[in-house]
Amino acid sequence: MCCDIVLAAESAVFIQAFSKIGLIPDSGGTFFLPRLIGFQRASALTMLGDKVSAAEAVSMGMIYKSVDDALLMETAMQISQTLANLPTKALGLTKKLLNQSLSNNLNTQLECELEEQVNAAKSYDHSEGIKAFLEKRKPVFKGQ
């Protein structure tokens, strides 16, 4: 639940079974789950210990996508290759801002976005992206 992009095999199931053995969710379960699926649903799943199928997990926003079991690794590799070919500096700034958004109010978040947009606009990758667009070619990003 704490990963940026979560894939699961169609056969996967998710369960917060701690209540069934007298424990509480750990490893950030009480932090991440309500933020992903809402307080009410997280409360029910953590207290009742219901199993959630991969399809249900996608539907409720717990994970990004479920794929055929046989295609899981191939799909994960395709996504990782796509990410590696994108402007990784901008992706890092995006992740930073998404994380900050969990504790910022709107005005603070907009200020943070402005600051990081200025930083991103000064990057090699931004100028390469614009140049590639104008030249109608695929950009070659360097993460700079």
N, C-alpha and C. Protein backbone atom coordinates (compact mmCIF):
# COMPACT_ATOMS: atom_id res chain seq x y z
N MET A 1 0.80 -1.20 0.00
CA MET A 1 0.00 0.00 0.00
C MET A 1 0.84 1.27 0.00
N CYS A 2 2.10 1.15 0.36
CA CYS A 2 2.92 2.35 0.46
C CYS A 2 3.75 2.58 -0.80
N CYS A 3 3.56 1.79 -1.82
CA CYS A 3 4.30 1.96 -3.07
C CYS A 3 3.61 2.99 -3.97
N ASP A 4 4.37 3.56 -4.88
CA ASP A 4 3.82 4.55 -5.80
C ASP A 4 2.83 3.93 -6.78
N ILE A 5 3.17 2.79 -7.32
CA ILE A 5 2.32 2.10 -8.29
C ILE A 5 2.24 0.64 -7.87
N VAL A 6 1.04 0.19 -7.54
CA VAL A 6 0.88 -1.19 -7.05
C VAL A 6 0.14 -2.01 -8.09
N LEU A 7 0.79 -3.08 -8.53
CA LEU A 7 0.20 -4.09 -9.42
C LEU A 7 -0.07 -5.34 -8.61
N ALA A 8 -1.03 -6.11 -9.02
CA ALA A 8 -1.28 -7.39 -8.39
C ALA A 8 -1.72 -8.39 -9.43
N ALA A 9 -1.39 -9.63 -9.20
CA ALA A 9 -1.92 -10.71 -10.03
C ALA A 9 -3.42 -10.81 -9.76
N GLU A 10 -4.17 -11.22 -10.76
CA GLU A 10 -5.62 -11.36 -10.60
C GLU A 10 -5.99 -12.32 -9.48
N SER A 11 -5.11 -13.26 -9.18
CA SER A 11 -5.40 -14.23 -8.13
C SER A 11 -5.07 -13.71 -6.73
N ALA A 12 -4.47 -12.55 -6.63
CA ALA A 12 -4.06 -12.01 -5.34
C ALA A 12 -5.27 -11.66 -4.48
N VAL A 13 -5.08 -11.78 -3.17
CA VAL A 13 -6.08 -11.32 -2.20
C VAL A 13 -5.34 -10.49 -1.15
N PHE A 14 -6.07 -9.54 -0.59
CA PHE A 14 -5.52 -8.67 0.43
C PHE A 14 -6.37 -8.82 1.68
N ILE A 15 -5.71 -8.84 2.84
CA ILE A 15 -6.45 -8.99 4.08
C ILE A 15 -5.68 -8.32 5.22
N GLN A 16 -6.41 -7.64 6.06
CA GLN A 16 -5.87 -7.09 7.30
C GLN A 16 -6.43 -7.99 8.40
N ALA A 17 -5.76 -9.10 8.67
CA ALA A 17 -6.29 -10.13 9.56
C ALA A 17 -5.90 -9.96 11.02
N PHE A 18 -5.27 -8.85 11.35
CA PHE A 18 -4.75 -8.66 12.70
C PHE A 18 -5.81 -8.79 13.78
N SER A 19 -7.02 -8.28 13.50
CA SER A 19 -8.07 -8.32 14.51
C SER A 19 -8.44 -9.75 14.90
N LYS A 20 -8.18 -10.67 14.01
CA LYS A 20 -8.54 -12.07 14.27
C LYS A 20 -7.58 -12.76 15.24
N ILE A 21 -6.43 -12.09 15.51
CA ILE A 21 -5.46 -12.67 16.44
C ILE A 21 -5.11 -11.69 17.57
N GLY A 22 -5.96 -10.69 17.76
CA GLY A 22 -5.78 -9.77 18.88
C GLY A 22 -4.69 -8.73 18.69
N LEU A 23 -4.36 -8.43 17.43
CA LEU A 23 -3.35 -7.41 17.15
C LEU A 23 -3.96 -6.26 16.37
N ILE A 24 -3.15 -5.29 16.08
CA ILE A 24 -3.57 -4.14 15.29
C ILE A 24 -2.79 -4.13 13.98
N PRO A 25 -3.31 -3.48 12.94
CA PRO A 25 -2.54 -3.37 11.69
C PRO A 25 -1.21 -2.68 11.95
N ASP A 26 -0.17 -3.13 11.27
CA ASP A 26 1.14 -2.52 11.42
C ASP A 26 1.73 -2.18 10.06
N SER A 27 2.97 -1.81 10.04
CA SER A 27 3.68 -1.44 8.82
C SER A 27 2.99 -0.30 8.07
N GLY A 28 2.34 0.58 8.83
CA GLY A 28 1.68 1.73 8.22
C GLY A 28 0.28 1.45 7.73
N GLY A 29 -0.28 0.29 8.04
CA GLY A 29 -1.63 -0.03 7.58
C GLY A 29 -2.68 0.97 8.01
N THR A 30 -2.56 1.47 9.25
CA THR A 30 -3.54 2.45 9.73
C THR A 30 -3.28 3.83 9.15
N PHE A 31 -2.14 4.03 8.54
CA PHE A 31 -1.83 5.30 7.88
C PHE A 31 -2.25 5.27 6.41
N PHE A 32 -1.79 4.25 5.70
CA PHE A 32 -2.00 4.20 4.26
C PHE A 32 -3.42 3.81 3.85
N LEU A 33 -3.98 2.80 4.49
CA LEU A 33 -5.26 2.28 4.03
C LEU A 33 -6.38 3.33 4.05
N PRO A 34 -6.57 4.10 5.12
CA PRO A 34 -7.64 5.12 5.09
C PRO A 34 -7.41 6.18 4.01
N ARG A 35 -6.16 6.48 3.73
CA ARG A 35 -5.86 7.48 2.71
C ARG A 35 -6.15 6.96 1.30
N LEU A 36 -6.03 5.66 1.13
CA LEU A 36 -6.27 5.05 -0.17
C LEU A 36 -7.74 4.79 -0.44
N ILE A 37 -8.45 4.29 0.56
CA ILE A 37 -9.82 3.82 0.31
C ILE A 37 -10.88 4.50 1.15
N GLY A 38 -10.48 5.44 2.01
CA GLY A 38 -11.45 6.12 2.85
C GLY A 38 -11.54 5.50 4.24
N PHE A 39 -11.93 6.32 5.19
CA PHE A 39 -11.97 5.91 6.59
C PHE A 39 -12.96 4.78 6.85
N GLN A 40 -14.18 4.89 6.32
CA GLN A 40 -15.20 3.88 6.59
C GLN A 40 -14.80 2.49 6.10
N ARG A 41 -14.33 2.44 4.87
CA ARG A 41 -13.95 1.15 4.28
C ARG A 41 -12.73 0.58 5.00
N ALA A 42 -11.76 1.45 5.30
CA ALA A 42 -10.56 0.99 6.02
C ALA A 42 -10.94 0.46 7.40
N SER A 43 -11.85 1.15 8.08
CA SER A 43 -12.30 0.69 9.40
C SER A 43 -12.90 -0.71 9.30
N ALA A 44 -13.77 -0.90 8.34
CA ALA A 44 -14.43 -2.20 8.18
C ALA A 44 -13.41 -3.30 7.86
N LEU A 45 -12.52 -3.02 6.91
CA LEU A 45 -11.57 -4.06 6.51
C LEU A 45 -10.60 -4.41 7.63
N THR A 46 -10.15 -3.41 8.39
CA THR A 46 -9.19 -3.71 9.46
C THR A 46 -9.85 -4.34 10.67
N MET A 47 -11.09 -3.99 10.94
CA MET A 47 -11.77 -4.57 12.10
C MET A 47 -12.38 -5.94 11.82
N LEU A 48 -12.93 -6.11 10.62
CA LEU A 48 -13.58 -7.38 10.29
C LEU A 48 -12.62 -8.41 9.68
N GLY A 49 -11.52 -7.94 9.11
CA GLY A 49 -10.56 -8.87 8.51
C GLY A 49 -11.08 -9.51 7.24
N ASP A 50 -11.92 -8.81 6.49
CA ASP A 50 -12.45 -9.35 5.23
C ASP A 50 -11.34 -9.47 4.18
N LYS A 51 -11.46 -10.52 3.36
CA LYS A 51 -10.56 -10.68 2.22
C LYS A 51 -11.03 -9.77 1.09
N VAL A 52 -10.07 -9.18 0.38
CA VAL A 52 -10.35 -8.32 -0.76
C VAL A 52 -9.65 -8.91 -1.97
N SER A 53 -10.40 -9.18 -3.03
CA SER A 53 -9.80 -9.71 -4.26
C SER A 53 -9.03 -8.59 -4.97
N ALA A 54 -8.19 -8.97 -5.91
CA ALA A 54 -7.44 -7.98 -6.68
C ALA A 54 -8.39 -7.04 -7.43
N ALA A 55 -9.44 -7.59 -8.01
CA ALA A 55 -10.40 -6.75 -8.74
C ALA A 55 -11.08 -5.76 -7.79
N GLU A 56 -11.46 -6.22 -6.60
CA GLU A 56 -12.05 -5.31 -5.61
C GLU A 56 -11.06 -4.24 -5.17
N ALA A 57 -9.79 -4.63 -5.02
CA ALA A 57 -8.75 -3.69 -4.60
C ALA A 57 -8.58 -2.58 -5.63
N VAL A 58 -8.66 -2.94 -6.92
CA VAL A 58 -8.60 -1.92 -7.98
C VAL A 58 -9.82 -1.01 -7.87
N SER A 59 -10.98 -1.62 -7.75
CA SER A 59 -12.24 -0.87 -7.71
C SER A 59 -12.29 0.14 -6.57
N MET A 60 -11.74 -0.23 -5.42
CA MET A 60 -11.79 0.68 -4.26
C MET A 60 -10.60 1.61 -4.17
N GLY A 61 -9.67 1.50 -5.11
CA GLY A 61 -8.52 2.41 -5.12
C GLY A 61 -7.36 1.98 -4.26
N MET A 62 -7.35 0.74 -3.81
CA MET A 62 -6.26 0.24 -2.99
C MET A 62 -5.00 -0.01 -3.81
N ILE A 63 -5.20 -0.47 -5.06
CA ILE A 63 -4.07 -0.73 -5.95
C ILE A 63 -4.37 -0.11 -7.32
N TYR A 64 -3.33 0.03 -8.12
CA TYR A 64 -3.46 0.64 -9.45
C TYR A 64 -4.14 -0.29 -10.45
N LYS A 65 -3.66 -1.54 -10.51
CA LYS A 65 -4.13 -2.43 -11.57
C LYS A 65 -3.91 -3.88 -11.18
N SER A 66 -4.81 -4.75 -11.63
CA SER A 66 -4.56 -6.19 -11.53
C SER A 66 -4.44 -6.74 -12.95
N VAL A 67 -3.56 -7.69 -13.10
CA VAL A 67 -3.30 -8.26 -14.42
C VAL A 67 -3.30 -9.78 -14.32
N ASP A 68 -3.45 -10.41 -15.45
CA ASP A 68 -3.37 -11.87 -15.52
C ASP A 68 -2.10 -12.33 -14.80
N ASP A 69 -2.22 -13.36 -14.02
CA ASP A 69 -1.08 -13.85 -13.23
C ASP A 69 0.17 -14.04 -14.08
N ALA A 70 -0.01 -14.62 -15.26
CA ALA A 70 1.14 -14.91 -16.12
C ALA A 70 1.80 -13.65 -16.68
N LEU A 71 1.09 -12.53 -16.65
CA LEU A 71 1.62 -11.28 -17.20
C LEU A 71 2.13 -10.31 -16.14
N LEU A 72 2.08 -10.70 -14.88
CA LEU A 72 2.43 -9.78 -13.81
C LEU A 72 3.85 -9.22 -13.95
N MET A 73 4.83 -10.07 -14.07
CA MET A 73 6.22 -9.60 -14.15
C MET A 73 6.47 -8.81 -15.43
N GLU A 74 5.90 -9.27 -16.54
CA GLU A 74 6.06 -8.55 -17.80
C GLU A 74 5.46 -7.14 -17.69
N THR A 75 4.29 -7.04 -17.11
CA THR A 75 3.64 -5.74 -16.95
C THR A 75 4.45 -4.85 -16.02
N ALA A 76 4.94 -5.41 -14.93
CA ALA A 76 5.76 -4.63 -13.99
C ALA A 76 7.02 -4.12 -14.68
N MET A 77 7.63 -4.95 -15.49
CA MET A 77 8.84 -4.53 -16.21
C MET A 77 8.53 -3.44 -17.24
N GLN A 78 7.38 -3.55 -17.91
CA GLN A 78 6.99 -2.52 -18.86
C GLN A 78 6.77 -1.18 -18.17
N ILE A 79 6.11 -1.21 -17.04
CA ILE A 79 5.88 0.03 -16.29
C ILE A 79 7.19 0.61 -15.81
N SER A 80 8.08 -0.23 -15.29
CA SER A 80 9.36 0.28 -14.80
C SER A 80 10.19 0.85 -15.95
N GLN A 81 10.13 0.25 -17.11
CA GLN A 81 10.85 0.78 -18.28
C GLN A 81 10.25 2.12 -18.71
N THR A 82 8.94 2.21 -18.71
CA THR A 82 8.29 3.48 -19.03
C THR A 82 8.75 4.57 -18.07
N LEU A 83 8.73 4.27 -16.78
CA LEU A 83 9.16 5.26 -15.78
C LEU A 83 10.62 5.65 -15.98
N ALA A 84 11.46 4.67 -16.28
CA ALA A 84 12.89 4.96 -16.47
C ALA A 84 13.14 5.87 -17.65
N ASN A 85 12.27 5.81 -18.65
CA ASN A 85 12.44 6.64 -19.84
C ASN A 85 11.79 8.02 -19.73
N LEU A 86 11.07 8.26 -18.66
CA LEU A 86 10.43 9.55 -18.43
C LEU A 86 11.42 10.50 -17.74
N PRO A 87 11.09 11.77 -17.64
CA PRO A 87 11.97 12.72 -16.95
C PRO A 87 11.95 12.45 -15.44
N THR A 88 12.90 11.67 -14.96
CA THR A 88 12.87 11.18 -13.59
C THR A 88 13.01 12.30 -12.55
N LYS A 89 13.67 13.39 -12.91
CA LYS A 89 13.74 14.51 -11.97
C LYS A 89 12.32 15.05 -11.72
N ALA A 90 11.55 15.23 -12.77
CA ALA A 90 10.17 15.71 -12.63
C ALA A 90 9.32 14.68 -11.88
N LEU A 91 9.54 13.40 -12.12
CA LEU A 91 8.80 12.37 -11.39
C LEU A 91 9.11 12.44 -9.90
N GLY A 92 10.38 12.65 -9.57
CA GLY A 92 10.77 12.78 -8.17
C GLY A 92 10.13 13.99 -7.50
N LEU A 93 10.09 15.11 -8.23
CA LEU A 93 9.44 16.30 -7.69
C LEU A 93 7.94 16.08 -7.53
N THR A 94 7.34 15.36 -8.46
CA THR A 94 5.92 15.04 -8.36
C THR A 94 5.65 14.19 -7.12
N LYS A 95 6.49 13.18 -6.90
CA LYS A 95 6.33 12.33 -5.72
C LYS A 95 6.47 13.15 -4.44
N LYS A 96 7.45 14.04 -4.41
CA LYS A 96 7.65 14.91 -3.25
C LYS A 96 6.38 15.72 -2.98
N LEU A 97 5.82 16.31 -4.02
CA LEU A 97 4.61 17.13 -3.87
C LEU A 97 3.41 16.29 -3.45
N LEU A 98 3.25 15.12 -4.01
CA LEU A 98 2.14 14.25 -3.61
C LEU A 98 2.25 13.91 -2.12
N ASN A 99 3.45 13.59 -1.66
CA ASN A 99 3.64 13.29 -0.25
C ASN A 99 3.32 14.50 0.62
N GLN A 100 3.77 15.67 0.21
CA GLN A 100 3.50 16.89 0.98
C GLN A 100 2.01 17.21 1.02
N SER A 101 1.30 16.86 -0.03
CA SER A 101 -0.13 17.20 -0.11
C SER A 101 -0.94 16.55 1.00
N LEU A 102 -0.41 15.49 1.60
CA LEU A 102 -1.14 14.80 2.67
C LEU A 102 -1.21 15.63 3.94
N SER A 103 -0.30 16.60 4.10
CA SER A 103 -0.32 17.42 5.31
C SER A 103 -0.46 18.91 5.04
N ASN A 104 -0.39 19.33 3.78
CA ASN A 104 -0.51 20.75 3.44
C ASN A 104 -1.96 21.16 3.21
N ASN A 105 -2.24 22.44 3.46
CA ASN A 105 -3.51 22.98 3.00
C ASN A 105 -3.34 23.41 1.54
N LEU A 106 -4.41 23.81 0.89
CA LEU A 106 -4.35 24.13 -0.53
C LEU A 106 -3.37 25.26 -0.84
N ASN A 107 -3.42 26.34 -0.06
CA ASN A 107 -2.53 27.47 -0.35
C ASN A 107 -1.06 27.09 -0.22
N THR A 108 -0.71 26.33 0.81
CA THR A 108 0.67 25.87 0.98
C THR A 108 1.07 24.96 -0.17
N GLN A 109 0.16 24.07 -0.56
CA GLN A 109 0.46 23.15 -1.65
C GLN A 109 0.69 23.90 -2.95
N LEU A 110 -0.13 24.91 -3.22
CA LEU A 110 0.06 25.71 -4.44
C LEU A 110 1.41 26.43 -4.43
N GLU A 111 1.83 26.91 -3.27
CA GLU A 111 3.15 27.54 -3.16
C GLU A 111 4.26 26.54 -3.43
N CYS A 112 4.12 25.34 -2.89
CA CYS A 112 5.11 24.28 -3.13
C CYS A 112 5.15 23.90 -4.61
N GLU A 113 3.98 23.80 -5.24
CA GLU A 113 3.94 23.49 -6.67
C GLU A 113 4.63 24.57 -7.49
N LEU A 114 4.40 25.82 -7.14
CA LEU A 114 5.05 26.92 -7.87
C LEU A 114 6.56 26.80 -7.76
N GLU A 115 7.05 26.58 -6.56
CA GLU A 115 8.50 26.46 -6.34
C GLU A 115 9.09 25.30 -7.15
N GLU A 116 8.44 24.15 -7.10
CA GLU A 116 8.98 22.98 -7.80
C GLU A 116 8.78 23.08 -9.31
N GLN A 117 7.73 23.78 -9.76
CA GLN A 117 7.55 23.98 -11.20
C GLN A 117 8.67 24.85 -11.76
N VAL A 118 9.08 25.86 -11.00
CA VAL A 118 10.22 26.69 -11.40
C VAL A 118 11.48 25.83 -11.49
N ASN A 119 11.69 24.96 -10.50
CA ASN A 119 12.85 24.06 -10.54
C ASN A 119 12.78 23.12 -11.74
N ALA A 120 11.62 22.55 -11.98
CA ALA A 120 11.47 21.62 -13.11
C ALA A 120 11.68 22.35 -14.43
N ALA A 121 11.20 23.57 -14.54
CA ALA A 121 11.33 24.33 -15.79
C ALA A 121 12.78 24.66 -16.10
N LYS A 122 13.65 24.67 -15.11
CA LYS A 122 15.07 24.95 -15.31
C LYS A 122 15.87 23.70 -15.68
N SER A 123 15.22 22.56 -15.71
CA SER A 123 15.94 21.30 -15.90
C SER A 123 16.26 21.03 -17.37
N TYR A 124 17.29 20.22 -17.56
CA TYR A 124 17.63 19.73 -18.90
C TYR A 124 16.44 18.99 -19.50
N ASP A 125 15.81 18.14 -18.69
CA ASP A 125 14.71 17.31 -19.20
C ASP A 125 13.56 18.16 -19.72
N HIS A 126 13.27 19.27 -19.08
CA HIS A 126 12.20 20.15 -19.57
C HIS A 126 12.58 20.72 -20.94
N SER A 127 13.80 21.22 -21.04
CA SER A 127 14.20 21.79 -22.34
C SER A 127 14.25 20.71 -23.42
N GLU A 128 14.68 19.51 -23.05
CA GLU A 128 14.69 18.40 -24.01
C GLU A 128 13.28 18.03 -24.42
N GLY A 129 12.35 18.01 -23.47
CA GLY A 129 10.96 17.69 -23.78
C GLY A 129 10.34 18.69 -24.74
N ILE A 130 10.60 19.97 -24.53
CA ILE A 130 10.08 21.01 -25.42
C ILE A 130 10.73 20.90 -26.80
N LYS A 131 12.04 20.71 -26.81
CA LYS A 131 12.76 20.60 -28.08
C LYS A 131 12.26 19.39 -28.88
N ALA A 132 12.09 18.26 -28.21
CA ALA A 132 11.62 17.05 -28.89
C ALA A 132 10.21 17.25 -29.42
N PHE A 133 9.36 17.93 -28.66
CA PHE A 133 8.00 18.20 -29.11
C PHE A 133 8.02 19.05 -30.39
N LEU A 134 8.82 20.09 -30.37
CA LEU A 134 8.90 20.98 -31.55
C LEU A 134 9.49 20.28 -32.76
N GLU A 135 10.42 19.36 -32.51
CA GLU A 135 11.07 18.61 -33.60
C GLU A 135 10.30 17.35 -33.95
N LYS A 136 9.18 17.12 -33.28
CA LYS A 136 8.31 15.95 -33.52
C LYS A 136 9.09 14.63 -33.43
N ARG A 137 9.85 14.51 -32.33
CA ARG A 137 10.62 13.29 -32.07
C ARG A 137 10.43 12.89 -30.61
N LYS A 138 10.84 11.68 -30.30
CA LYS A 138 10.75 11.20 -28.93
C LYS A 138 11.88 11.82 -28.10
N PRO A 139 11.56 12.36 -26.91
CA PRO A 139 12.60 12.97 -26.10
C PRO A 139 13.55 11.91 -25.50
N VAL A 140 14.77 12.35 -25.25
CA VAL A 140 15.76 11.51 -24.56
C VAL A 140 16.07 12.21 -23.25
N PHE A 141 15.43 11.77 -22.18
CA PHE A 141 15.60 12.40 -20.88
C PHE A 141 16.82 11.84 -20.17
N LYS A 142 17.43 12.68 -19.32
CA LYS A 142 18.63 12.28 -18.59
C LYS A 142 18.45 12.33 -17.08
N GLY A 143 17.29 12.73 -16.63
CA GLY A 143 17.09 12.84 -15.19
C GLY A 143 17.79 14.05 -14.60
N GLN A 144 17.99 15.04 -15.43
CA GLN A 144 18.70 16.26 -14.99
C GLN A 144 17.84 17.47 -15.23
